[in-house]
Protein backbone atom coordinates (compact mmCIF):
# COMPACT_ATOMS: atom_id res chain seq x y z
CA UNK A 1 -15.67 -7.57 -3.92
CA UNK A 2 -14.15 -4.69 -1.98
CA UNK A 3 -13.94 -1.09 -3.16
CA UNK A 4 -10.68 0.53 -2.15
CA UNK A 5 -9.81 4.22 -2.11
CA UNK A 6 -6.22 5.32 -1.64
CA UNK A 7 -5.10 8.72 -0.40
CA UNK A 8 -2.00 10.40 0.90
CA UNK A 9 0.16 10.49 -2.18
CA UNK A 10 2.00 13.60 -3.25
CA UNK A 11 5.38 15.18 -3.76
CA UNK A 12 8.13 14.55 -1.25
CA UNK A 13 11.84 15.22 -1.24
CA UNK A 14 14.33 12.34 -1.15
CA UNK A 15 14.69 11.20 2.44
CA UNK A 16 11.22 12.39 3.31
CA UNK A 17 8.14 10.52 4.50
CA UNK A 18 4.58 9.94 3.40
CA UNK A 19 1.75 7.89 4.80
CA UNK A 20 -0.67 6.33 2.37
CA UNK A 21 -4.13 5.32 3.46
CA UNK A 22 -6.52 2.84 1.91
CA UNK A 23 -10.16 2.96 2.94
CA UNK A 24 -12.23 -0.14 2.25
CA UNK A 25 -15.94 -0.28 1.49
CA UNK A 26 -16.53 -3.01 4.03
CA UNK A 27 -15.11 -4.40 7.21
CA UNK A 28 -11.52 -5.48 6.79
CA UNK A 29 -11.48 -7.54 9.99
CA UNK A 30 -11.69 -10.84 8.17
CA UNK A 31 -10.12 -9.91 4.85
CA UNK A 32 -7.41 -12.49 4.23
CA UNK A 33 -4.74 -10.05 3.15
CA UNK A 34 -4.39 -6.45 2.10
CA UNK A 35 -1.41 -5.12 0.28
CA UNK A 36 0.30 -2.37 -1.62
CA UNK A 37 1.73 -2.53 -5.11
CA UNK A 38 3.48 0.17 -7.05
CA UNK A 39 4.19 0.83 -10.70
CA UNK A 40 6.72 3.28 -12.00
CA UNK A 41 6.68 4.49 -15.61
CA UNK A 42 8.05 1.85 -17.93
CA UNK A 43 8.32 -0.74 -15.20
CA UNK A 44 6.27 -3.69 -14.10
CA UNK A 45 3.94 -3.48 -11.19
CA UNK A 46 5.62 -4.80 -8.06
CA UNK A 47 4.45 -5.86 -4.64
CA UNK A 48 5.60 -3.46 -1.94
CA UNK A 49 4.15 -5.18 1.07
CA UNK A 50 1.14 -6.86 2.58
CA UNK A 51 -0.60 -7.47 5.87
CA UNK A 52 -2.83 -10.39 6.76
CA UNK A 53 -5.93 -10.45 8.92
CA UNK A 54 -3.70 -11.82 11.66
CA UNK A 55 -1.30 -8.94 11.36
CA UNK A 56 1.53 -10.76 9.64
CA UNK A 57 3.42 -8.39 7.38
CA UNK A 58 5.70 -8.90 4.42
CA UNK A 59 7.82 -6.42 2.51
CA UNK A 60 9.78 -6.23 -0.69
CA UNK A 61 13.51 -6.28 -0.02
CA UNK A 62 13.81 -2.81 -1.50
CA UNK A 63 11.63 -1.24 1.22
CA UNK A 64 12.44 -3.33 4.29
CA UNK A 65 13.32 -1.18 7.25
CA UNK A 66 11.81 1.94 5.67
CA UNK A 67 8.15 1.09 4.98
CA UNK A 68 5.59 -0.12 7.49
CA UNK A 69 2.21 -1.73 6.88
CA UNK A 70 -0.52 -1.35 9.45
CA UNK A 71 -4.26 -1.73 9.67
CA UNK A 72 -7.04 -0.16 11.71
CA UNK A 73 -9.95 -2.56 11.65
CA UNK A 74 -12.25 -0.07 13.38
CA UNK A 75 -11.74 2.39 10.51
CA UNK A 76 -11.65 -0.25 7.76
CA UNK A 77 -8.37 1.29 6.70
CA UNK A 78 -4.85 0.10 6.04
CA UNK A 79 -1.81 2.30 5.95
CA UNK A 80 1.60 2.32 4.38
CA UNK A 81 4.09 4.49 6.22
CA UNK A 82 6.97 5.28 3.92
CA UNK A 83 10.15 6.73 5.41
CA UNK A 84 13.49 7.60 3.86
CA UNK A 85 11.92 7.73 0.44
CA UNK A 86 14.23 7.37 -2.52
CA UNK A 87 13.77 8.74 -6.05
CA UNK A 88 13.21 5.19 -7.29
CA UNK A 89 10.20 5.01 -4.99
CA UNK A 90 8.30 7.37 -7.25
CA UNK A 91 5.35 5.45 -8.67
CA UNK A 92 1.63 5.01 -8.58
CA UNK A 93 0.82 3.07 -5.43
CA UNK A 94 -2.14 0.72 -5.45
CA UNK A 95 -3.99 -0.80 -2.52
CA UNK A 96 -5.20 -4.35 -2.91
CA UNK A 97 -7.42 -6.75 -1.02
CA UNK A 98 -7.85 -10.50 -1.24
CA UNK A 99 -10.91 -11.41 0.75
CA UNK A 100 -10.13 -15.13 0.95
CA UNK A 101 -6.95 -17.10 0.35
CA UNK A 102 -8.32 -18.33 -2.98
CA UNK A 103 -10.17 -15.16 -3.99
CA UNK A 104 -9.30 -12.62 -6.64
CA UNK A 105 -7.36 -9.48 -5.96
CA UNK A 106 -9.37 -6.25 -5.76
CA UNK A 107 -7.55 -3.03 -6.67
CA UNK A 108 -7.87 0.60 -5.79
CA UNK A 109 -7.47 3.37 -8.34
CA UNK A 110 -3.96 4.27 -7.20
CA UNK A 111 -2.29 7.32 -5.75
CA UNK A 112 0.74 9.05 -7.20
CA UNK A 113 3.92 9.39 -5.18
CA UNK A 114 6.61 11.66 -6.56
CA UNK A 115 10.05 11.76 -4.97
CA UNK A 116 12.03 14.70 -6.20
CA UNK A 117 14.05 17.63 -4.95
């Protein structure tokens, strides 16, 4: 199991940027995949993007070209750089980790992102 702590959420105007961080309780070097989900009020939780131990990234169509996943193995931290934020991007963002390809998903506590003028 991995403990995950997100940070970096807050209030941003439409078109603005935020960078979320997710600090893990252990080395992330060999963690199979780490990802970000978000959940807006009244909506289902959705996958925003993920990054594998090999650095392969995936993104939801709604954020492609605007969001970037990255990882710093030395700091046991993954990041989600969010640019050109839209009002519909307002949600609680959760960091996740799947240690092995068949393992369960561990979740952070979430960080609130508000996009409003």
